[in-house]
């Protein structure tokens, strides 16, 4: 599973900078709305900006985390090297499971936020 995540992260690596830029943009818009720097009409864009911020952060963190996963240990490696490599890959497995859980949560949250926004 983590090797597939690495393949996906490597194939969408070009989205790393746009995701970070969008995250900063959404955060700036949210801050402007919350601190009253924008007009009253801008408050209607709080939910979509929050949803965009969540997905921009998720995309950036996915690419950053899974673009370089340690390879499985060679059979010729020593015991400590194998144990360290397996422990490192197990940590990535745990991160992958947590990431899948937070993605499901983000999907649910996004659908709720956007339905609230569309109802107006």
N, C-alpha and C. Protein backbone atom coordinates (compact mmCIF):
# COMPACT_ATOMS: atom_id res chain seq x y z
N UNK A 1 0.82 -1.18 0.00
CA UNK A 1 0.00 0.00 0.00
C UNK A 1 0.87 1.26 0.00
N UNK A 2 1.91 1.27 0.81
CA UNK A 2 2.73 2.49 0.86
C UNK A 2 3.52 2.68 -0.43
N UNK A 3 3.82 1.57 -1.12
CA UNK A 3 4.51 1.71 -2.40
C UNK A 3 3.58 2.34 -3.44
N UNK A 4 2.30 2.00 -3.40
CA UNK A 4 1.33 2.63 -4.30
C UNK A 4 1.18 4.11 -3.96
N UNK A 5 1.17 4.42 -2.66
CA UNK A 5 1.10 5.83 -2.25
C UNK A 5 2.32 6.58 -2.77
N UNK A 6 3.48 5.94 -2.74
CA UNK A 6 4.69 6.58 -3.24
C UNK A 6 4.57 6.83 -4.74
N UNK A 7 4.03 5.86 -5.48
CA UNK A 7 3.85 6.05 -6.92
C UNK A 7 2.91 7.23 -7.21
N UNK A 8 1.82 7.30 -6.46
CA UNK A 8 0.87 8.41 -6.65
C UNK A 8 1.53 9.74 -6.29
N UNK A 9 2.25 9.76 -5.17
CA UNK A 9 2.90 11.00 -4.74
C UNK A 9 3.94 11.47 -5.76
N UNK A 10 4.67 10.53 -6.35
CA UNK A 10 5.65 10.90 -7.35
C UNK A 10 4.98 11.41 -8.63
N UNK A 11 3.82 10.83 -8.97
CA UNK A 11 3.16 11.25 -10.20
C UNK A 11 2.47 12.61 -10.06
N UNK A 12 2.10 13.00 -8.84
CA UNK A 12 1.46 14.31 -8.66
C UNK A 12 2.39 15.30 -7.97
N UNK A 13 3.66 15.04 -8.02
CA UNK A 13 4.65 15.92 -7.39
C UNK A 13 4.57 17.35 -7.91
N UNK A 14 4.16 17.51 -9.17
CA UNK A 14 4.06 18.85 -9.75
C UNK A 14 2.97 19.69 -9.07
N UNK A 15 2.08 19.08 -8.31
CA UNK A 15 1.03 19.81 -7.60
C UNK A 15 1.47 20.32 -6.22
N UNK A 16 2.70 20.04 -5.85
CA UNK A 16 3.17 20.42 -4.52
C UNK A 16 3.16 21.93 -4.31
N UNK A 17 3.74 22.67 -5.23
CA UNK A 17 3.76 24.13 -5.09
C UNK A 17 2.37 24.74 -5.24
N UNK A 18 1.57 24.33 -6.25
CA UNK A 18 0.22 24.91 -6.33
C UNK A 18 -0.64 24.61 -5.10
N UNK A 19 -0.48 23.43 -4.51
CA UNK A 19 -1.24 23.11 -3.29
C UNK A 19 -0.82 24.02 -2.14
N UNK A 20 0.48 24.25 -2.01
CA UNK A 20 0.96 25.14 -0.95
C UNK A 20 0.49 26.57 -1.18
N UNK A 21 0.55 27.03 -2.43
CA UNK A 21 0.11 28.39 -2.75
C UNK A 21 -1.38 28.56 -2.50
N UNK A 22 -2.17 27.56 -2.90
CA UNK A 22 -3.61 27.64 -2.64
C UNK A 22 -3.92 27.60 -1.15
N UNK A 23 -3.17 26.80 -0.41
CA UNK A 23 -3.36 26.75 1.03
C UNK A 23 -3.11 28.10 1.69
N UNK A 24 -2.04 28.77 1.27
CA UNK A 24 -1.73 30.10 1.81
C UNK A 24 -2.81 31.09 1.40
N UNK A 25 -3.26 31.00 0.15
CA UNK A 25 -4.31 31.90 -0.32
C UNK A 25 -5.61 31.71 0.46
N UNK A 26 -6.03 30.45 0.62
CA UNK A 26 -7.25 30.18 1.38
C UNK A 26 -7.12 30.63 2.83
N UNK A 27 -5.96 30.41 3.42
CA UNK A 27 -5.73 30.85 4.79
C UNK A 27 -5.80 32.37 4.90
N UNK A 28 -5.25 33.07 3.93
CA UNK A 28 -5.30 34.53 3.94
C UNK A 28 -6.74 35.03 3.80
N UNK A 29 -7.52 34.39 2.94
CA UNK A 29 -8.92 34.80 2.77
C UNK A 29 -9.70 34.53 4.05
N UNK A 30 -9.47 33.37 4.67
CA UNK A 30 -10.15 33.05 5.93
C UNK A 30 -9.78 34.06 7.00
N UNK A 31 -8.50 34.40 7.10
CA UNK A 31 -8.08 35.40 8.10
C UNK A 31 -8.71 36.75 7.82
N UNK A 32 -8.78 37.14 6.55
CA UNK A 32 -9.39 38.42 6.20
C UNK A 32 -10.87 38.44 6.56
N UNK A 33 -11.55 37.34 6.33
CA UNK A 33 -12.97 37.26 6.67
C UNK A 33 -13.16 37.31 8.18
N UNK A 34 -12.36 36.53 8.91
CA UNK A 34 -12.53 36.45 10.36
C UNK A 34 -12.16 37.75 11.07
N UNK A 35 -11.17 38.47 10.55
CA UNK A 35 -10.76 39.71 11.19
C UNK A 35 -11.48 40.93 10.63
N UNK A 36 -12.47 40.69 9.78
CA UNK A 36 -13.30 41.77 9.27
C UNK A 36 -12.64 42.65 8.25
N UNK A 37 -11.61 42.17 7.58
CA UNK A 37 -10.94 42.99 6.57
C UNK A 37 -11.70 43.01 5.25
N UNK A 38 -12.53 41.99 5.04
CA UNK A 38 -13.32 41.94 3.81
C UNK A 38 -14.71 42.50 4.03
N UNK A 39 -15.46 42.53 2.97
CA UNK A 39 -16.83 43.04 3.07
C UNK A 39 -17.73 41.97 3.69
N UNK A 40 -18.93 42.37 4.02
CA UNK A 40 -19.89 41.45 4.63
C UNK A 40 -20.25 40.33 3.67
N UNK A 41 -20.26 40.63 2.38
CA UNK A 41 -20.59 39.61 1.37
C UNK A 41 -19.54 38.50 1.32
N UNK A 42 -18.33 38.79 1.76
CA UNK A 42 -17.27 37.78 1.71
C UNK A 42 -17.49 36.67 2.72
N UNK A 43 -18.31 36.89 3.74
CA UNK A 43 -18.55 35.86 4.75
C UNK A 43 -19.17 34.62 4.14
N UNK A 44 -19.83 34.77 3.00
CA UNK A 44 -20.43 33.62 2.36
C UNK A 44 -19.38 32.66 1.79
N UNK A 45 -18.16 33.12 1.64
CA UNK A 45 -17.10 32.28 1.09
C UNK A 45 -16.25 31.60 2.16
N UNK A 46 -16.65 31.70 3.41
CA UNK A 46 -15.87 31.10 4.50
C UNK A 46 -15.86 29.57 4.39
N UNK A 47 -17.01 28.95 4.16
CA UNK A 47 -17.07 27.49 4.07
C UNK A 47 -16.28 26.94 2.89
N UNK A 48 -16.43 27.50 1.67
CA UNK A 48 -15.61 26.97 0.56
C UNK A 48 -14.11 27.20 0.76
N UNK A 49 -13.74 28.31 1.38
CA UNK A 49 -12.32 28.56 1.63
C UNK A 49 -11.77 27.58 2.65
N UNK A 50 -12.57 27.27 3.67
CA UNK A 50 -12.13 26.29 4.67
C UNK A 50 -11.99 24.92 4.03
N UNK A 51 -12.94 24.54 3.17
CA UNK A 51 -12.85 23.27 2.46
C UNK A 51 -11.61 23.24 1.56
N UNK A 52 -11.37 24.32 0.84
CA UNK A 52 -10.18 24.39 -0.01
C UNK A 52 -8.89 24.30 0.78
N UNK A 53 -8.87 24.93 1.96
CA UNK A 53 -7.69 24.86 2.82
C UNK A 53 -7.43 23.43 3.27
N UNK A 54 -8.48 22.72 3.65
CA UNK A 54 -8.33 21.33 4.08
C UNK A 54 -7.73 20.49 2.96
N UNK A 55 -8.25 20.62 1.74
CA UNK A 55 -7.76 19.80 0.64
C UNK A 55 -6.38 20.23 0.16
N UNK A 56 -6.08 21.51 0.23
CA UNK A 56 -4.73 21.96 -0.14
C UNK A 56 -3.70 21.41 0.84
N UNK A 57 -4.02 21.46 2.14
CA UNK A 57 -3.12 20.89 3.14
C UNK A 57 -2.98 19.38 2.99
N UNK A 58 -4.09 18.71 2.69
CA UNK A 58 -4.04 17.26 2.51
C UNK A 58 -3.18 16.88 1.31
N UNK A 59 -3.33 17.61 0.22
CA UNK A 59 -2.54 17.32 -0.98
C UNK A 59 -1.06 17.56 -0.73
N UNK A 60 -0.74 18.70 -0.13
CA UNK A 60 0.67 19.01 0.13
C UNK A 60 1.29 18.00 1.10
N UNK A 61 0.57 17.68 2.17
CA UNK A 61 1.14 16.74 3.15
C UNK A 61 1.27 15.34 2.57
N UNK A 62 0.34 14.93 1.70
CA UNK A 62 0.44 13.62 1.05
C UNK A 62 1.70 13.55 0.19
N UNK A 63 1.90 14.56 -0.64
CA UNK A 63 3.07 14.55 -1.52
C UNK A 63 4.36 14.61 -0.70
N UNK A 64 4.39 15.47 0.29
CA UNK A 64 5.59 15.64 1.11
C UNK A 64 5.93 14.36 1.88
N UNK A 65 4.91 13.68 2.37
CA UNK A 65 5.14 12.49 3.20
C UNK A 65 5.52 11.27 2.38
N UNK A 66 4.82 11.04 1.29
CA UNK A 66 4.96 9.76 0.59
C UNK A 66 5.83 9.80 -0.66
N UNK A 67 6.50 10.91 -0.95
CA UNK A 67 7.33 10.91 -2.15
C UNK A 67 8.67 10.20 -1.94
N UNK A 68 9.08 9.99 -0.72
CA UNK A 68 10.34 9.27 -0.47
C UNK A 68 10.16 8.30 0.68
N UNK A 69 9.80 7.08 0.33
CA UNK A 69 9.62 6.01 1.31
C UNK A 69 10.83 5.10 1.22
N UNK A 70 11.39 4.67 2.35
CA UNK A 70 12.55 3.78 2.29
C UNK A 70 12.20 2.45 1.62
N UNK A 71 13.13 1.95 0.84
CA UNK A 71 12.93 0.67 0.16
C UNK A 71 12.97 -0.47 1.18
N UNK A 72 12.35 -1.60 0.86
CA UNK A 72 12.44 -2.75 1.77
C UNK A 72 13.90 -3.17 1.96
N UNK A 73 14.18 -3.77 3.09
CA UNK A 73 15.56 -4.17 3.42
C UNK A 73 16.01 -5.32 2.53
N UNK A 74 17.27 -5.29 2.15
CA UNK A 74 17.86 -6.38 1.38
C UNK A 74 18.09 -7.58 2.30
N UNK A 75 18.09 -8.75 1.71
CA UNK A 75 18.34 -9.96 2.50
C UNK A 75 19.79 -10.02 2.98
N UNK A 76 20.69 -9.34 2.28
CA UNK A 76 22.10 -9.38 2.66
C UNK A 76 22.42 -8.37 3.77
N UNK A 77 21.48 -7.52 4.12
CA UNK A 77 21.72 -6.52 5.16
C UNK A 77 21.77 -7.17 6.53
N UNK A 78 22.40 -6.47 7.46
CA UNK A 78 22.49 -6.98 8.82
C UNK A 78 21.17 -6.88 9.56
N UNK A 79 21.13 -7.50 10.75
CA UNK A 79 19.90 -7.55 11.53
C UNK A 79 19.41 -6.16 11.92
N UNK A 80 20.32 -5.31 12.40
CA UNK A 80 19.92 -3.98 12.83
C UNK A 80 19.45 -3.12 11.66
N UNK A 81 20.09 -3.28 10.51
CA UNK A 81 19.67 -2.53 9.33
C UNK A 81 18.28 -2.96 8.89
N UNK A 82 18.03 -4.28 8.90
CA UNK A 82 16.70 -4.79 8.54
C UNK A 82 15.65 -4.30 9.52
N UNK A 83 15.97 -4.35 10.81
CA UNK A 83 15.00 -3.94 11.83
C UNK A 83 14.69 -2.45 11.71
N UNK A 84 15.72 -1.65 11.49
CA UNK A 84 15.51 -0.21 11.35
C UNK A 84 14.67 0.10 10.11
N UNK A 85 14.95 -0.59 9.00
CA UNK A 85 14.20 -0.37 7.77
C UNK A 85 12.75 -0.81 7.92
N UNK A 86 12.53 -1.95 8.58
CA UNK A 86 11.16 -2.43 8.79
C UNK A 86 10.39 -1.50 9.73
N UNK A 87 11.07 -0.99 10.74
CA UNK A 87 10.42 -0.06 11.66
C UNK A 87 10.06 1.25 10.94
N UNK A 88 10.95 1.70 10.08
CA UNK A 88 10.68 2.91 9.31
C UNK A 88 9.50 2.71 8.37
N UNK A 89 9.44 1.56 7.70
CA UNK A 89 8.31 1.29 6.80
C UNK A 89 7.02 1.08 7.58
N UNK A 90 7.11 0.51 8.77
CA UNK A 90 5.91 0.36 9.62
C UNK A 90 5.37 1.72 10.02
N UNK A 91 6.27 2.67 10.29
CA UNK A 91 5.84 4.02 10.61
C UNK A 91 5.09 4.64 9.43
N UNK A 92 5.58 4.42 8.20
CA UNK A 92 4.88 4.92 7.02
C UNK A 92 3.52 4.24 6.84
N UNK A 93 3.43 2.95 7.19
CA UNK A 93 2.14 2.27 7.15
C UNK A 93 1.16 2.94 8.11
N UNK A 94 1.60 3.24 9.31
CA UNK A 94 0.74 3.90 10.29
C UNK A 94 0.30 5.27 9.78
N UNK A 95 1.22 6.01 9.20
CA UNK A 95 0.87 7.32 8.64
C UNK A 95 -0.14 7.15 7.50
N UNK A 96 0.03 6.11 6.68
CA UNK A 96 -0.90 5.87 5.58
C UNK A 96 -2.30 5.57 6.09
N UNK A 97 -2.41 4.77 7.14
CA UNK A 97 -3.72 4.45 7.70
C UNK A 97 -4.36 5.71 8.28
N UNK A 98 -3.58 6.50 8.99
CA UNK A 98 -4.10 7.76 9.55
C UNK A 98 -4.51 8.70 8.41
N UNK A 99 -3.72 8.73 7.36
CA UNK A 99 -4.06 9.60 6.22
C UNK A 99 -5.35 9.15 5.56
N UNK A 100 -5.56 7.85 5.41
CA UNK A 100 -6.81 7.36 4.84
C UNK A 100 -8.00 7.75 5.72
N UNK A 101 -7.84 7.63 7.03
CA UNK A 101 -8.91 8.02 7.95
C UNK A 101 -9.22 9.50 7.87
N UNK A 102 -8.17 10.32 7.82
CA UNK A 102 -8.42 11.77 7.74
C UNK A 102 -8.99 12.16 6.38
N UNK A 103 -8.67 11.40 5.34
CA UNK A 103 -9.26 11.68 4.03
C UNK A 103 -10.75 11.40 4.03
N UNK A 104 -11.15 10.30 4.66
CA UNK A 104 -12.59 10.00 4.78
C UNK A 104 -13.27 11.10 5.59
N UNK A 105 -12.65 11.52 6.69
CA UNK A 105 -13.19 12.61 7.49
C UNK A 105 -13.29 13.89 6.67
N UNK A 106 -12.27 14.19 5.87
CA UNK A 106 -12.29 15.40 5.05
C UNK A 106 -13.38 15.34 3.99
N UNK A 107 -13.63 14.15 3.43
CA UNK A 107 -14.72 14.01 2.47
C UNK A 107 -16.07 14.30 3.11
N UNK A 108 -16.28 13.75 4.29
CA UNK A 108 -17.54 13.98 5.01
C UNK A 108 -17.68 15.45 5.37
N UNK A 109 -16.61 16.03 5.91
CA UNK A 109 -16.65 17.44 6.29
C UNK A 109 -16.86 18.34 5.07
N UNK A 110 -16.22 18.02 3.97
CA UNK A 110 -16.38 18.82 2.75
C UNK A 110 -17.81 18.77 2.25
N UNK A 111 -18.39 17.58 2.24
CA UNK A 111 -19.77 17.49 1.76
C UNK A 111 -20.72 18.26 2.66
N UNK A 112 -20.49 18.21 3.96
CA UNK A 112 -21.35 18.97 4.88
C UNK A 112 -21.16 20.47 4.72
N UNK A 113 -19.91 20.91 4.65
CA UNK A 113 -19.65 22.35 4.51
C UNK A 113 -20.21 22.89 3.20
N UNK A 114 -20.01 22.14 2.13
CA UNK A 114 -20.50 22.63 0.85
C UNK A 114 -22.03 22.57 0.76
N UNK A 115 -22.65 21.59 1.41
CA UNK A 115 -24.11 21.57 1.42
C UNK A 115 -24.67 22.74 2.22
N UNK A 116 -24.02 23.09 3.32
CA UNK A 116 -24.43 24.28 4.09
C UNK A 116 -24.26 25.53 3.23
N UNK A 117 -23.16 25.61 2.52
CA UNK A 117 -22.89 26.79 1.70
C UNK A 117 -23.89 26.90 0.55
N UNK A 118 -24.23 25.77 -0.08
CA UNK A 118 -25.16 25.81 -1.20
C UNK A 118 -26.59 26.12 -0.77
N UNK A 119 -26.95 25.72 0.46
CA UNK A 119 -28.28 26.04 0.96
C UNK A 119 -28.41 27.53 1.27
N UNK A 120 -27.29 28.13 1.53
CA UNK A 120 -27.22 29.55 1.64
C UNK A 120 -27.57 30.22 2.85
